[in-house]
């Protein structure tokens, strides 16, 4: 049986607003690089 660690702290730390902020940042990176977020 797989036993996963407790993740209550992570669940409390991750918010919809925070996720949206990161997605906007990723989109800005993509927009600045011809639609590409790939490293290298």
C-alpha atoms as a PDB file:
ATOM      1  CA  UNK A   1       0.000   0.000   0.000  1.00  0.00           C
ATOM      2  CA  UNK A   2       1.312   3.429  -0.957  1.00  0.00           C
ATOM      3  CA  UNK A   3       1.459   5.852   1.971  1.00  0.00           C
ATOM      4  CA  UNK A   4       1.681   9.505   1.006  1.00  0.00           C
ATOM      5  CA  UNK A   5       3.092  12.161   3.325  1.00  0.00           C
ATOM      6  CA  UNK A   6       0.689  14.590   4.921  1.00  0.00           C
ATOM      7  CA  UNK A   7       0.378  17.666   2.755  1.00  0.00           C
ATOM      8  CA  UNK A   8      -1.899  19.941   4.750  1.00  0.00           C
ATOM      9  CA  UNK A   9       0.679  22.738   4.855  1.00  0.00           C
ATOM     10  CA  UNK A  10       1.114  22.625   1.094  1.00  0.00           C
ATOM     11  CA  UNK A  11      -2.631  22.646   0.500  1.00  0.00           C
ATOM     12  CA  UNK A  12      -2.985  25.710   2.716  1.00  0.00           C
ATOM     13  CA  UNK A  13      -0.072  27.465   1.005  1.00  0.00           C
ATOM     14  CA  UNK A  14      -1.324  26.953  -2.566  1.00  0.00           C
ATOM     15  CA  UNK A  15      -4.118  29.363  -3.421  1.00  0.00           C
ATOM     16  CA  UNK A  16      -6.069  29.994  -6.583  1.00  0.00           C
ATOM     17  CA  UNK A  17      -4.758  33.561  -6.630  1.00  0.00           C
ATOM     18  CA  UNK A  18      -1.168  32.308  -6.354  1.00  0.00           C
ATOM     19  CA  UNK A  19      -1.671  29.775  -9.142  1.00  0.00           C
ATOM     20  CA  UNK A  20      -3.127  32.464 -11.392  1.00  0.00           C
ATOM     21  CA  UNK A  21      -0.174  34.773 -10.662  1.00  0.00           C
ATOM     22  CA  UNK A  22       2.261  32.040 -11.684  1.00  0.00           C
ATOM     23  CA  UNK A  23       0.285  31.278 -14.847  1.00  0.00           C
ATOM     24  CA  UNK A  24       0.389  34.964 -15.777  1.00  0.00           C
ATOM     25  CA  UNK A  25       4.153  34.981 -15.225  1.00  0.00           C
ATOM     26  CA  UNK A  26       4.557  31.891 -17.421  1.00  0.00           C
ATOM     27  CA  UNK A  27       2.445  33.544 -20.124  1.00  0.00           C
ATOM     28  CA  UNK A  28       4.603  36.683 -19.949  1.00  0.00           C
ATOM     29  CA  UNK A  29       7.712  34.526 -20.435  1.00  0.00           C
ATOM     30  CA  UNK A  30       6.068  32.857 -23.416  1.00  0.00           C
ATOM     31  CA  UNK A  31       4.967  36.174 -24.929  1.00  0.00           C
ATOM     32  CA  UNK A  32       8.488  37.563 -24.577  1.00  0.00           C
ATOM     33  CA  UNK A  33       9.981  34.522 -26.308  1.00  0.00           C
ATOM     34  CA  UNK A  34       7.869  34.018 -29.387  1.00  0.00           C
ATOM     35  CA  UNK A  35       5.273  31.813 -27.683  1.00  0.00           C
ATOM     36  CA  UNK A  36       7.819  29.470 -26.145  1.00  0.00           C
ATOM     37  CA  UNK A  37       8.557  28.737 -22.458  1.00  0.00           C
ATOM     38  CA  UNK A  38      11.066  25.965 -23.119  1.00  0.00           C
ATOM     39  CA  UNK A  39      14.441  26.382 -21.418  1.00  0.00           C
ATOM     40  CA  UNK A  40      17.631  26.090 -23.395  1.00  0.00           C
END
